[in-house]
Amino acid sequence: MKLELCIDSRPLDIEIDDVVAGLLAARLNLPDSEDHREALARYLGEKGAPWLLDEEHMRRRILRRLILDIADPALVIRHLMAEE
């Protein structure tokens, strides 16, 4: 899933796997029937602030944030059970 984040009024394009996006949507309790791109981009943009260094640094920072947000075994199980 391609997302365009806005961090401190600066755009940042990132791409995340659909499973990771689904796990983050589950973490944020977003409804299953909607497209979550805007909500995920807004959330990650807010969590990624402030802008530091260059785009590559910011992408790594966002990915680290994603890992922390979805590294919950209960969340993974809940997400997988919802798909069945």
Protein backbone atom coordinates (compact mmCIF):
# COMPACT_ATOMS: atom_id res chain seq x y z
CA MET A 1 0.00 0.00 0.00
CA LYS A 2 1.43 3.35 -1.02
CA LEU A 3 0.90 6.23 1.38
CA GLU A 4 1.75 9.90 1.18
CA LEU A 5 2.46 11.26 4.63
CA CYS A 6 2.67 14.90 5.57
CA ILE A 7 5.23 15.56 8.29
CA ASP A 8 5.74 19.19 9.30
CA SER A 9 4.16 20.23 5.98
CA ARG A 10 6.65 18.12 4.02
CA PRO A 11 5.44 15.19 1.89
CA LEU A 12 6.93 11.73 2.32
CA ASP A 13 5.97 8.76 0.15
CA ILE A 14 6.24 5.33 1.75
CA GLU A 15 5.05 1.87 0.82
CA ILE A 16 3.95 -0.68 3.38
CA ASP A 17 2.75 -4.24 2.98
CA ASP A 18 -1.02 -4.79 3.05
CA VAL A 19 -0.71 -7.11 6.05
CA VAL A 20 1.20 -4.44 7.99
CA ALA A 21 -1.43 -1.89 6.98
CA GLY A 22 -4.15 -4.26 8.18
CA LEU A 23 -2.43 -4.77 11.51
CA LEU A 24 -2.06 -1.03 12.01
CA ALA A 25 -5.72 -0.51 11.09
CA ALA A 26 -6.65 -3.15 13.69
CA ARG A 27 -4.46 -1.39 16.26
CA LEU A 28 -6.29 1.87 15.51
CA ASN A 29 -9.70 0.10 15.61
CA LEU A 30 -10.58 1.26 12.10
CA PRO A 31 -13.66 -0.34 10.49
CA ASP A 32 -12.95 -3.32 8.22
CA SER A 33 -15.13 -2.09 5.36
CA GLU A 34 -13.28 1.17 4.62
CA ASP A 35 -10.17 2.22 2.71
CA HIS A 36 -7.71 3.15 5.45
CA ARG A 37 -5.09 5.02 3.41
CA GLU A 38 -5.99 8.50 4.66
CA ALA A 39 -6.31 7.46 8.29
CA LEU A 40 -3.04 5.52 8.23
CA ALA A 41 -1.18 8.33 6.45
CA ARG A 42 -2.50 10.89 8.94
CA TYR A 43 -1.59 8.70 11.93
CA LEU A 44 1.92 7.93 10.69
CA GLY A 45 2.49 11.56 9.71
CA GLU A 46 1.60 12.70 13.22
CA LYS A 47 3.71 10.00 14.88
CA GLY A 48 6.66 10.71 12.57
CA ALA A 49 6.95 14.38 13.51
CA PRO A 50 9.16 16.31 13.79
CA TRP A 51 10.97 16.11 10.47
CA LEU A 52 14.65 15.34 11.03
CA LEU A 53 17.51 14.94 8.57
CA ASP A 54 16.52 13.53 5.16
CA GLU A 55 13.74 11.45 3.57
CA GLU A 56 15.54 8.13 4.04
CA HIS A 57 15.98 8.80 7.75
CA MET A 58 12.29 9.64 8.02
CA ARG A 59 11.26 6.44 6.21
CA ARG A 60 13.32 4.38 8.65
CA ARG A 61 11.80 6.30 11.56
CA ILE A 62 8.27 5.60 10.30
CA LEU A 63 9.05 1.89 9.81
CA ARG A 64 10.42 1.64 13.36
CA ARG A 65 7.20 3.25 14.61
CA LEU A 66 5.16 0.71 12.63
CA ILE A 67 7.05 -2.16 14.21
CA LEU A 68 6.40 -0.83 17.70
CA ASP A 69 2.70 -0.32 16.94
CA ILE A 70 2.04 -3.80 15.53
CA ALA A 71 4.43 -5.97 17.57
CA ASP A 72 1.64 -7.27 19.80
CA PRO A 73 0.87 -10.99 19.47
CA ALA A 74 -2.75 -10.47 20.57
CA LEU A 75 -3.20 -7.89 17.81
CA VAL A 76 -1.79 -10.26 15.18
CA ILE A 77 -4.12 -13.06 16.29
CA ARG A 78 -7.14 -10.72 16.32
CA HIS A 79 -6.30 -9.52 12.81
CA LEU A 80 -5.84 -13.05 11.46
CA MET A 81 -9.05 -14.30 13.09
CA ALA A 82 -11.05 -11.41 11.59
CA GLU A 83 -10.06 -12.52 8.07
CA GLU A 84 -11.50 -16.01 8.54
